[in-house]
C-alpha atoms as a PDB file:
ATOM      1  CA  UNK A   1     -75.900 194.157 -48.934  1.00  0.00           C
ATOM      2  CA  UNK A   2     -75.134 194.815 -52.502  1.00  0.00           C
ATOM      3  CA  UNK A   3     -77.049 196.542 -55.339  1.00  0.00           C
ATOM      4  CA  UNK A   4     -76.314 197.926 -58.660  1.00  0.00           C
ATOM      5  CA  UNK A   5     -76.700 201.262 -60.674  1.00  0.00           C
ATOM      6  CA  UNK A   6     -76.949 201.164 -64.230  1.00  0.00           C
ATOM      7  CA  UNK A   7     -74.212 203.518 -65.957  1.00  0.00           C
ATOM      8  CA  UNK A   8     -72.646 204.013 -69.400  1.00  0.00           C
ATOM      9  CA  UNK A   9     -71.197 201.255 -71.318  1.00  0.00           C
ATOM     10  CA  UNK A  10     -67.736 199.790 -70.200  1.00  0.00           C
ATOM     11  CA  UNK A  11     -67.440 201.733 -66.873  1.00  0.00           C
ATOM     12  CA  UNK A  12     -63.930 202.064 -65.717  1.00  0.00           C
ATOM     13  CA  UNK A  13     -63.073 204.853 -63.131  1.00  0.00           C
ATOM     14  CA  UNK A  14     -64.985 205.858 -60.272  1.00  0.00           C
ATOM     15  CA  UNK A  15     -64.703 208.836 -57.819  1.00  0.00           C
ATOM     16  CA  UNK A  16     -66.823 210.448 -55.199  1.00  0.00           C
ATOM     17  CA  UNK A  17     -67.129 214.325 -54.725  1.00  0.00           C
ATOM     18  CA  UNK A  18     -65.720 215.428 -51.548  1.00  0.00           C
ATOM     19  CA  UNK A  19     -69.148 215.952 -50.090  1.00  0.00           C
ATOM     20  CA  UNK A  20     -70.274 212.577 -51.019  1.00  0.00           C
ATOM     21  CA  UNK A  21     -73.322 213.644 -52.886  1.00  0.00           C
ATOM     22  CA  UNK A  22     -72.148 212.777 -56.243  1.00  0.00           C
ATOM     23  CA  UNK A  23     -69.816 209.841 -57.938  1.00  0.00           C
ATOM     24  CA  UNK A  24     -68.609 210.144 -61.215  1.00  0.00           C
ATOM     25  CA  UNK A  25     -67.993 207.079 -63.492  1.00  0.00           C
ATOM     26  CA  UNK A  26     -65.983 206.986 -66.686  1.00  0.00           C
ATOM     27  CA  UNK A  27     -67.651 205.063 -69.618  1.00  0.00           C
ATOM     28  CA  UNK A  28     -65.022 203.946 -71.928  1.00  0.00           C
ATOM     29  CA  UNK A  29     -67.398 202.742 -74.421  1.00  0.00           C
ATOM     30  CA  UNK A  30     -69.412 205.912 -74.797  1.00  0.00           C
ATOM     31  CA  UNK A  31     -66.810 208.702 -74.259  1.00  0.00           C
ATOM     32  CA  UNK A  32     -68.960 210.018 -71.253  1.00  0.00           C
ATOM     33  CA  UNK A  33     -68.843 210.393 -67.565  1.00  0.00           C
ATOM     34  CA  UNK A  34     -72.134 209.135 -65.750  1.00  0.00           C
ATOM     35  CA  UNK A  35     -72.964 211.360 -62.770  1.00  0.00           C
ATOM     36  CA  UNK A  36     -74.616 209.297 -60.139  1.00  0.00           C
ATOM     37  CA  UNK A  37     -76.774 210.807 -57.653  1.00  0.00           C
ATOM     38  CA  UNK A  38     -75.673 208.969 -54.484  1.00  0.00           C
ATOM     39  CA  UNK A  39     -78.822 209.923 -52.480  1.00  0.00           C
ATOM     40  CA  UNK A  40     -81.284 208.223 -55.097  1.00  0.00           C
ATOM     41  CA  UNK A  41     -78.607 205.627 -56.555  1.00  0.00           C
ATOM     42  CA  UNK A  42     -79.250 206.637 -60.050  1.00  0.00           C
ATOM     43  CA  UNK A  43     -77.280 208.127 -62.842  1.00  0.00           C
ATOM     44  CA  UNK A  44     -78.959 211.381 -63.440  1.00  0.00           C
ATOM     45  CA  UNK A  45     -76.798 212.572 -66.372  1.00  0.00           C
ATOM     46  CA  UNK A  46     -73.931 212.019 -68.698  1.00  0.00           C
ATOM     47  CA  UNK A  47     -71.102 214.414 -69.404  1.00  0.00           C
ATOM     48  CA  UNK A  48     -69.357 213.932 -73.013  1.00  0.00           C
ATOM     49  CA  UNK A  49     -65.449 213.942 -72.508  1.00  0.00           C
ATOM     50  CA  UNK A  50     -62.651 212.651 -74.836  1.00  0.00           C
ATOM     51  CA  UNK A  51     -61.952 209.412 -76.566  1.00  0.00           C
ATOM     52  CA  UNK A  52     -61.805 206.460 -74.107  1.00  0.00           C
ATOM     53  CA  UNK A  53     -62.251 208.024 -70.606  1.00  0.00           C
ATOM     54  CA  UNK A  54     -60.489 205.948 -68.058  1.00  0.00           C
ATOM     55  CA  UNK A  55     -59.805 207.546 -64.570  1.00  0.00           C
ATOM     56  CA  UNK A  56     -61.225 210.289 -62.739  1.00  0.00           C
ATOM     57  CA  UNK A  57     -60.263 212.459 -59.726  1.00  0.00           C
ATOM     58  CA  UNK A  58     -61.865 215.337 -57.992  1.00  0.00           C
ATOM     59  CA  UNK A  59     -60.116 218.374 -56.519  1.00  0.00           C
ATOM     60  CA  UNK A  60     -60.160 218.635 -52.674  1.00  0.00           C
ATOM     61  CA  UNK A  61     -62.526 221.398 -52.813  1.00  0.00           C
ATOM     62  CA  UNK A  62     -64.992 219.543 -55.136  1.00  0.00           C
ATOM     63  CA  UNK A  63     -65.081 222.234 -57.847  1.00  0.00           C
ATOM     64  CA  UNK A  64     -63.391 220.167 -60.734  1.00  0.00           C
ATOM     65  CA  UNK A  65     -63.101 216.705 -61.832  1.00  0.00           C
ATOM     66  CA  UNK A  66     -60.053 215.606 -63.840  1.00  0.00           C
ATOM     67  CA  UNK A  67     -60.811 212.672 -66.534  1.00  0.00           C
ATOM     68  CA  UNK A  68     -58.076 210.904 -68.437  1.00  0.00           C
ATOM     69  CA  UNK A  69     -58.809 210.047 -72.003  1.00  0.00           C
ATOM     70  CA  UNK A  70     -56.570 207.449 -73.155  1.00  0.00           C
ATOM     71  CA  UNK A  71     -57.094 207.327 -76.874  1.00  0.00           C
ATOM     72  CA  UNK A  72     -57.263 211.258 -77.109  1.00  0.00           C
ATOM     73  CA  UNK A  73     -54.005 211.639 -74.994  1.00  0.00           C
ATOM     74  CA  UNK A  74     -55.810 214.486 -73.044  1.00  0.00           C
ATOM     75  CA  UNK A  75     -57.458 215.359 -69.729  1.00  0.00           C
ATOM     76  CA  UNK A  76     -60.943 216.607 -69.627  1.00  0.00           C
ATOM     77  CA  UNK A  77     -61.411 219.131 -66.687  1.00  0.00           C
ATOM     78  CA  UNK A  78     -65.066 219.130 -65.883  1.00  0.00           C
ATOM     79  CA  UNK A  79     -66.656 222.167 -63.751  1.00  0.00           C
ATOM     80  CA  UNK A  80     -68.996 220.253 -61.270  1.00  0.00           C
ATOM     81  CA  UNK A  81     -71.356 223.043 -60.817  1.00  0.00           C
ATOM     82  CA  UNK A  82     -71.831 223.850 -64.444  1.00  0.00           C
ATOM     83  CA  UNK A  83     -70.807 220.490 -66.089  1.00  0.00           C
ATOM     84  CA  UNK A  84     -68.797 222.381 -68.535  1.00  0.00           C
ATOM     85  CA  UNK A  85     -65.604 220.845 -69.869  1.00  0.00           C
ATOM     86  CA  UNK A  86     -62.260 222.076 -70.823  1.00  0.00           C
ATOM     87  CA  UNK A  87     -59.295 220.181 -72.382  1.00  0.00           C
ATOM     88  CA  UNK A  88     -55.734 219.925 -71.632  1.00  0.00           C
ATOM     89  CA  UNK A  89     -53.601 217.765 -74.040  1.00  0.00           C
ATOM     90  CA  UNK A  90     -50.982 215.463 -72.219  1.00  0.00           C
ATOM     91  CA  UNK A  91     -49.045 212.457 -73.015  1.00  0.00           C
ATOM     92  CA  UNK A  92     -49.853 209.477 -75.186  1.00  0.00           C
ATOM     93  CA  UNK A  93     -52.121 207.026 -73.385  1.00  0.00           C
ATOM     94  CA  UNK A  94     -53.281 209.152 -70.629  1.00  0.00           C
ATOM     95  CA  UNK A  95     -54.587 206.596 -68.077  1.00  0.00           C
ATOM     96  CA  UNK A  96     -54.222 207.370 -64.188  1.00  0.00           C
ATOM     97  CA  UNK A  97     -54.812 210.579 -62.551  1.00  0.00           C
ATOM     98  CA  UNK A  98     -54.584 211.877 -59.001  1.00  0.00           C
ATOM     99  CA  UNK A  99     -54.873 215.422 -57.661  1.00  0.00           C
ATOM    100  CA  UNK A 100     -52.428 216.219 -54.780  1.00  0.00           C
ATOM    101  CA  UNK A 101     -53.805 216.647 -51.119  1.00  0.00           C
ATOM    102  CA  UNK A 102     -53.248 220.596 -51.332  1.00  0.00           C
ATOM    103  CA  UNK A 103     -55.143 220.703 -54.602  1.00  0.00           C
ATOM    104  CA  UNK A 104     -52.333 222.358 -56.515  1.00  0.00           C
ATOM    105  CA  UNK A 105     -51.273 219.623 -58.835  1.00  0.00           C
ATOM    106  CA  UNK A 106     -52.802 216.846 -60.851  1.00  0.00           C
ATOM    107  CA  UNK A 107     -50.421 213.890 -62.056  1.00  0.00           C
ATOM    108  CA  UNK A 108     -51.561 212.144 -65.135  1.00  0.00           C
ATOM    109  CA  UNK A 109     -49.859 208.739 -66.193  1.00  0.00           C
ATOM    110  CA  UNK A 110     -49.299 208.187 -70.059  1.00  0.00           C
ATOM    111  CA  UNK A 111     -48.925 204.574 -70.575  1.00  0.00           C
ATOM    112  CA  UNK A 112     -47.804 204.852 -74.166  1.00  0.00           C
ATOM    113  CA  UNK A 113     -45.157 207.517 -73.447  1.00  0.00           C
ATOM    114  CA  UNK A 114     -43.685 206.463 -70.223  1.00  0.00           C
ATOM    115  CA  UNK A 115     -44.282 209.745 -68.756  1.00  0.00           C
ATOM    116  CA  UNK A 116     -46.187 211.492 -65.862  1.00  0.00           C
ATOM    117  CA  UNK A 117     -47.678 214.879 -66.915  1.00  0.00           C
ATOM    118  CA  UNK A 118     -47.915 217.512 -64.209  1.00  0.00           C
ATOM    119  CA  UNK A 119     -50.806 219.816 -64.414  1.00  0.00           C
ATOM    120  CA  UNK A 120     -51.205 223.231 -62.410  1.00  0.00           C
ATOM    121  CA  UNK A 121     -54.652 223.064 -61.170  1.00  0.00           C
ATOM    122  CA  UNK A 122     -54.948 226.953 -60.828  1.00  0.00           C
ATOM    123  CA  UNK A 123     -54.148 227.618 -64.305  1.00  0.00           C
ATOM    124  CA  UNK A 124     -55.000 224.330 -65.903  1.00  0.00           C
ATOM    125  CA  UNK A 125     -51.836 224.241 -67.589  1.00  0.00           C
ATOM    126  CA  UNK A 126     -49.204 221.510 -68.205  1.00  0.00           C
ATOM    127  CA  UNK A 127     -46.164 222.554 -66.463  1.00  0.00           C
ATOM    128  CA  UNK A 128     -43.708 219.527 -66.722  1.00  0.00           C
ATOM    129  CA  UNK A 129     -43.224 216.007 -67.908  1.00  0.00           C
ATOM    130  CA  UNK A 130     -41.401 213.456 -65.567  1.00  0.00           C
ATOM    131  CA  UNK A 131     -39.977 210.264 -67.393  1.00  0.00           C
ATOM    132  CA  UNK A 132     -40.853 207.186 -65.462  1.00  0.00           C
ATOM    133  CA  UNK A 133     -40.560 203.362 -66.043  1.00  0.00           C
ATOM    134  CA  UNK A 134     -42.557 201.365 -68.774  1.00  0.00           C
ATOM    135  CA  UNK A 135     -46.231 201.574 -69.075  1.00  0.00           C
ATOM    136  CA  UNK A 136     -47.283 203.647 -65.993  1.00  0.00           C
ATOM    137  CA  UNK A 137     -50.890 202.936 -65.266  1.00  0.00           C
ATOM    138  CA  UNK A 138     -52.117 204.368 -62.131  1.00  0.00           C
ATOM    139  CA  UNK A 139     -50.826 207.048 -59.376  1.00  0.00           C
ATOM    140  CA  UNK A 140     -51.395 207.987 -55.842  1.00  0.00           C
ATOM    141  CA  UNK A 141     -49.999 210.818 -53.762  1.00  0.00           C
ATOM    142  CA  UNK A 142     -49.032 210.097 -50.059  1.00  0.00           C
ATOM    143  CA  UNK A 143     -51.401 211.799 -47.625  1.00  0.00           C
ATOM    144  CA  UNK A 144     -48.950 214.564 -46.955  1.00  0.00           C
ATOM    145  CA  UNK A 145     -48.301 215.319 -50.496  1.00  0.00           C
ATOM    146  CA  UNK A 146     -44.643 214.835 -50.541  1.00  0.00           C
ATOM    147  CA  UNK A 147     -44.385 211.691 -52.381  1.00  0.00           C
ATOM    148  CA  UNK A 148     -46.243 209.982 -55.549  1.00  0.00           C
ATOM    149  CA  UNK A 149     -46.125 206.269 -56.200  1.00  0.00           C
ATOM    150  CA  UNK A 150     -46.602 205.616 -59.793  1.00  0.00           C
ATOM    151  CA  UNK A 151     -47.198 202.201 -60.670  1.00  0.00           C
ATOM    152  CA  UNK A 152     -45.221 200.947 -63.979  1.00  0.00           C
ATOM    153  CA  UNK A 153     -43.143 197.834 -64.083  1.00  0.00           C
ATOM    154  CA  UNK A 154     -42.498 198.474 -60.491  1.00  0.00           C
ATOM    155  CA  UNK A 155     -43.338 201.342 -58.023  1.00  0.00           C
ATOM    156  CA  UNK A 156     -41.803 204.641 -59.073  1.00  0.00           C
ATOM    157  CA  UNK A 157     -41.608 207.062 -56.156  1.00  0.00           C
ATOM    158  CA  UNK A 158     -41.545 210.536 -57.195  1.00  0.00           C
ATOM    159  CA  UNK A 159     -40.299 213.544 -54.937  1.00  0.00           C
ATOM    160  CA  UNK A 160     -42.981 216.028 -55.623  1.00  0.00           C
ATOM    161  CA  UNK A 161     -40.887 218.926 -54.790  1.00  0.00           C
ATOM    162  CA  UNK A 162     -38.286 218.204 -57.417  1.00  0.00           C
ATOM    163  CA  UNK A 163     -40.428 216.311 -59.754  1.00  0.00           C
ATOM    164  CA  UNK A 164     -38.061 213.536 -60.126  1.00  0.00           C
ATOM    165  CA  UNK A 165     -38.054 209.694 -59.462  1.00  0.00           C
ATOM    166  CA  UNK A 166     -35.956 209.093 -56.282  1.00  0.00           C
ATOM    167  CA  UNK A 167     -36.411 205.210 -56.181  1.00  0.00           C
ATOM    168  CA  UNK A 168     -38.327 202.279 -57.744  1.00  0.00           C
ATOM    169  CA  UNK A 169     -39.794 199.498 -55.397  1.00  0.00           C
ATOM    170  CA  UNK A 170     -39.979 195.998 -56.734  1.00  0.00           C
ATOM    171  CA  UNK A 171     -43.369 194.365 -56.117  1.00  0.00           C
ATOM    172  CA  UNK A 172     -45.479 191.490 -57.788  1.00  0.00           C
ATOM    173  CA  UNK A 173     -46.043 190.529 -61.321  1.00  0.00           C
ATOM    174  CA  UNK A 174     -47.877 193.087 -63.667  1.00  0.00           C
ATOM    175  CA  UNK A 175     -48.757 195.655 -60.858  1.00  0.00           C
ATOM    176  CA  UNK A 176     -51.795 197.755 -61.530  1.00  0.00           C
ATOM    177  CA  UNK A 177     -53.478 199.780 -58.813  1.00  0.00           C
ATOM    178  CA  UNK A 178     -52.287 201.758 -55.635  1.00  0.00           C
ATOM    179  CA  UNK A 179     -53.770 203.155 -52.439  1.00  0.00           C
ATOM    180  CA  UNK A 180     -52.451 204.534 -49.378  1.00  0.00           C
ATOM    181  CA  UNK A 181     -53.623 203.947 -45.701  1.00  0.00           C
ATOM    182  CA  UNK A 182     -55.031 207.390 -44.466  1.00  0.00           C
ATOM    183  CA  UNK A 183     -51.993 207.497 -42.084  1.00  0.00           C
ATOM    184  CA  UNK A 184     -49.481 207.193 -45.012  1.00  0.00           C
ATOM    185  CA  UNK A 185     -47.666 204.376 -43.283  1.00  0.00           C
ATOM    186  CA  UNK A 186     -48.519 201.919 -45.941  1.00  0.00           C
ATOM    187  CA  UNK A 187     -49.166 201.596 -49.644  1.00  0.00           C
ATOM    188  CA  UNK A 188     -51.315 198.733 -51.038  1.00  0.00           C
ATOM    189  CA  UNK A 189     -50.329 197.664 -54.550  1.00  0.00           C
ATOM    190  CA  UNK A 190     -52.266 195.199 -56.589  1.00  0.00           C
ATOM    191  CA  UNK A 191     -50.360 192.765 -58.959  1.00  0.00           C
ATOM    192  CA  UNK A 192     -52.536 191.543 -61.608  1.00  0.00           C
ATOM    193  CA  UNK A 193     -50.064 188.772 -62.143  1.00  0.00           C
ATOM    194  CA  UNK A 194     -50.781 185.423 -64.109  1.00  0.00           C
ATOM    195  CA  UNK A 195     -52.144 182.054 -62.988  1.00  0.00           C
ATOM    196  CA  UNK A 196     -51.586 181.684 -59.179  1.00  0.00           C
ATOM    197  CA  UNK A 197     -49.755 185.020 -58.590  1.00  0.00           C
ATOM    198  CA  UNK A 198     -52.819 187.268 -57.934  1.00  0.00           C
ATOM    199  CA  UNK A 199     -51.651 189.392 -55.085  1.00  0.00           C
ATOM    200  CA  UNK A 200     -51.357 192.704 -53.204  1.00  0.00           C
ATOM    201  CA  UNK A 201     -48.051 194.093 -52.059  1.00  0.00           C
ATOM    202  CA  UNK A 202     -48.077 195.867 -48.818  1.00  0.00           C
ATOM    203  CA  UNK A 203     -45.497 198.485 -48.791  1.00  0.00           C
ATOM    204  CA  UNK A 204     -43.868 200.239 -45.567  1.00  0.00           C
ATOM    205  CA  UNK A 205     -43.899 203.807 -46.815  1.00  0.00           C
ATOM    206  CA  UNK A 206     -41.154 204.870 -44.559  1.00  0.00           C
ATOM    207  CA  UNK A 207     -38.559 202.252 -45.552  1.00  0.00           C
ATOM    208  CA  UNK A 208     -39.974 201.724 -49.049  1.00  0.00           C
ATOM    209  CA  UNK A 209     -39.716 197.990 -48.823  1.00  0.00           C
ATOM    210  CA  UNK A 210     -42.591 195.295 -49.216  1.00  0.00           C
ATOM    211  CA  UNK A 211     -43.582 194.122 -45.689  1.00  0.00           C
ATOM    212  CA  UNK A 212     -46.053 191.458 -46.958  1.00  0.00           C
ATOM    213  CA  UNK A 213     -47.827 190.001 -49.684  1.00  0.00           C
ATOM    214  CA  UNK A 214     -51.449 188.863 -49.804  1.00  0.00           C
ATOM    215  CA  UNK A 215     -53.146 186.538 -52.130  1.00  0.00           C
ATOM    216  CA  UNK A 216     -56.566 187.932 -53.337  1.00  0.00           C
ATOM    217  CA  UNK A 217     -58.813 186.918 -56.338  1.00  0.00           C
ATOM    218  CA  UNK A 218     -57.879 186.711 -60.051  1.00  0.00           C
ATOM    219  CA  UNK A 219     -56.942 189.561 -61.824  1.00  0.00           C
ATOM    220  CA  UNK A 220     -56.626 192.404 -59.183  1.00  0.00           C
ATOM    221  CA  UNK A 221     -56.847 195.915 -60.726  1.00  0.00           C
ATOM    222  CA  UNK A 222     -57.593 198.828 -58.406  1.00  0.00           C
ATOM    223  CA  UNK A 223     -57.777 199.281 -54.643  1.00  0.00           C
ATOM    224  CA  UNK A 224     -59.402 201.547 -52.112  1.00  0.00           C
ATOM    225  CA  UNK A 225     -59.054 201.815 -48.373  1.00  0.00           C
ATOM    226  CA  UNK A 226     -61.688 202.958 -46.071  1.00  0.00           C
ATOM    227  CA  UNK A 227     -61.464 206.404 -44.552  1.00  0.00           C
ATOM    228  CA  UNK A 228     -60.826 205.073 -41.006  1.00  0.00           C
ATOM    229  CA  UNK A 229     -57.974 202.828 -42.569  1.00  0.00           C
ATOM    230  CA  UNK A 230     -59.383 199.568 -41.351  1.00  0.00           C
ATOM    231  CA  UNK A 231     -60.138 197.664 -44.543  1.00  0.00           C
ATOM    232  CA  UNK A 232     -58.992 197.568 -48.140  1.00  0.00           C
ATOM    233  CA  UNK A 233     -61.098 196.434 -50.827  1.00  0.00           C
ATOM    234  CA  UNK A 234     -59.634 195.071 -54.023  1.00  0.00           C
ATOM    235  CA  UNK A 235     -61.333 194.708 -57.398  1.00  0.00           C
ATOM    236  CA  UNK A 236     -60.816 191.316 -58.867  1.00  0.00           C
ATOM    237  CA  UNK A 237     -61.316 191.589 -62.851  1.00  0.00           C
ATOM    238  CA  UNK A 238     -61.086 187.846 -63.782  1.00  0.00           C
ATOM    239  CA  UNK A 239     -63.182 186.378 -60.735  1.00  0.00           C
ATOM    240  CA  UNK A 240     -65.792 189.095 -60.618  1.00  0.00           C
ATOM    241  CA  UNK A 241     -65.322 189.717 -57.129  1.00  0.00           C
ATOM    242  CA  UNK A 242     -64.060 192.235 -54.305  1.00  0.00           C
ATOM    243  CA  UNK A 243     -61.418 190.781 -51.734  1.00  0.00           C
ATOM    244  CA  UNK A 244     -62.016 192.630 -48.139  1.00  0.00           C
ATOM    245  CA  UNK A 245     -58.661 192.776 -46.557  1.00  0.00           C
ATOM    246  CA  UNK A 246     -58.465 193.650 -42.800  1.00  0.00           C
ATOM    247  CA  UNK A 247     -55.507 196.141 -42.649  1.00  0.00           C
ATOM    248  CA  UNK A 248     -54.449 195.378 -39.189  1.00  0.00           C
ATOM    249  CA  UNK A 249     -54.114 191.510 -39.474  1.00  0.00           C
ATOM    250  CA  UNK A 250     -53.360 191.640 -43.436  1.00  0.00           C
ATOM    251  CA  UNK A 251     -55.757 188.931 -44.189  1.00  0.00           C
ATOM    252  CA  UNK A 252     -58.549 188.582 -46.486  1.00  0.00           C
ATOM    253  CA  UNK A 253     -61.816 188.460 -44.311  1.00  0.00           C
ATOM    254  CA  UNK A 254     -64.428 188.079 -46.959  1.00  0.00           C
ATOM    255  CA  UNK A 255     -64.796 187.771 -50.671  1.00  0.00           C
ATOM    256  CA  UNK A 256     -67.865 189.709 -52.291  1.00  0.00           C
ATOM    257  CA  UNK A 257     -69.535 188.811 -55.503  1.00  0.00           C
ATOM    258  CA  UNK A 258     -69.940 191.915 -57.987  1.00  0.00           C
ATOM    259  CA  UNK A 259     -70.741 192.449 -61.497  1.00  0.00           C
ATOM    260  CA  UNK A 260     -68.641 191.100 -64.420  1.00  0.00           C
ATOM    261  CA  UNK A 261     -65.155 192.506 -64.891  1.00  0.00           C
ATOM    262  CA  UNK A 262     -64.658 194.879 -61.942  1.00  0.00           C
ATOM    263  CA  UNK A 263     -61.833 197.477 -62.496  1.00  0.00           C
ATOM    264  CA  UNK A 264     -62.056 200.362 -59.961  1.00  0.00           C
ATOM    265  CA  UNK A 265     -63.447 200.853 -56.315  1.00  0.00           C
ATOM    266  CA  UNK A 266     -64.034 203.854 -54.361  1.00  0.00           C
ATOM    267  CA  UNK A 267     -65.544 204.427 -50.932  1.00  0.00           C
ATOM    268  CA  UNK A 268     -68.077 207.078 -49.775  1.00  0.00           C
ATOM    269  CA  UNK A 269     -66.035 209.986 -47.982  1.00  0.00           C
ATOM    270  CA  UNK A 270     -67.801 208.494 -44.648  1.00  0.00           C
ATOM    271  CA  UNK A 271     -67.022 204.854 -45.606  1.00  0.00           C
ATOM    272  CA  UNK A 272     -70.483 203.525 -45.407  1.00  0.00           C
ATOM    273  CA  UNK A 273     -70.348 202.014 -48.872  1.00  0.00           C
ATOM    274  CA  UNK A 274     -67.981 201.202 -51.933  1.00  0.00           C
ATOM    275  CA  UNK A 275     -68.833 201.843 -55.459  1.00  0.00           C
ATOM    276  CA  UNK A 276     -67.211 199.215 -57.886  1.00  0.00           C
ATOM    277  CA  UNK A 277     -67.064 199.658 -61.641  1.00  0.00           C
ATOM    278  CA  UNK A 278     -68.017 196.432 -63.495  1.00  0.00           C
ATOM    279  CA  UNK A 279     -66.793 196.995 -66.997  1.00  0.00           C
ATOM    280  CA  UNK A 280     -68.260 193.964 -68.738  1.00  0.00           C
ATOM    281  CA  UNK A 281     -71.701 194.338 -66.947  1.00  0.00           C
ATOM    282  CA  UNK A 282     -72.080 198.139 -67.548  1.00  0.00           C
ATOM    283  CA  UNK A 283     -73.002 198.696 -63.928  1.00  0.00           C
ATOM    284  CA  UNK A 284     -71.561 200.147 -60.665  1.00  0.00           C
ATOM    285  CA  UNK A 285     -71.836 197.591 -57.851  1.00  0.00           C
ATOM    286  CA  UNK A 286     -72.762 199.101 -54.545  1.00  0.00           C
ATOM    287  CA  UNK A 287     -71.444 197.393 -51.461  1.00  0.00           C
ATOM    288  CA  UNK A 288     -72.859 198.568 -48.098  1.00  0.00           C
ATOM    289  CA  UNK A 289     -70.072 198.134 -45.380  1.00  0.00           C
ATOM    290  CA  UNK A 290     -70.741 195.115 -43.300  1.00  0.00           C
ATOM    291  CA  UNK A 291     -71.468 193.128 -46.203  1.00  0.00           C
END
């Protein structure tokens, strides 16, 4: 079963609070974050942030949400309890954001300056800048927090302790999104590609090699994996669908029609539903597991 929630114009990023009560959705077209009350399935309020908000990530304790503002080159830090916002300048073209599993760091990809900004969460200060490959888009930490995968022209692997790129993994054409299985053994990387090359590369994290390539819908952007590690959902921007991949078999088991221009996808903490931002439709499509 699928349904929709009306949010701000041109939604891009989505993330759930750790307790699952709220979802934050970035609205690129209105410079706001829509706050969705999950229980009622309605957008209860909108928080003004910077220019062209793109991605969003919560701290593990749920007290803060980090929002990248692509045109401003900043990160808006939202205090979840009060809704107040502070601003941290980062690099040019701030796009993707991830918070480390221990909640100590936030990594922000800057796609116009080819860097990753490292923010110390406790102090809210920029502590370092890591050079990466061209046009970094999205980023994810391994579940143990020891590495971060940055999606650029390939996949740059950052050693978190040293803050340096230790390897680059070649994947498909125009890689965009990344997500790890909960056990950290695999990373799923979407390849937006061009005609006939819309795929997901499955990386074996231990060896740093691509183990398989899975064809999906047209223009795959972001990817999320269920908390139990069984299923990966891929948002296909050009075909207006979500590809559901069975992680064990590596095959697409279903294709789900959603709103126009899906970009991001996130599962509720319990895994019972997925929210998909539909950029062109201005809605979040809600997919109930088992659909």
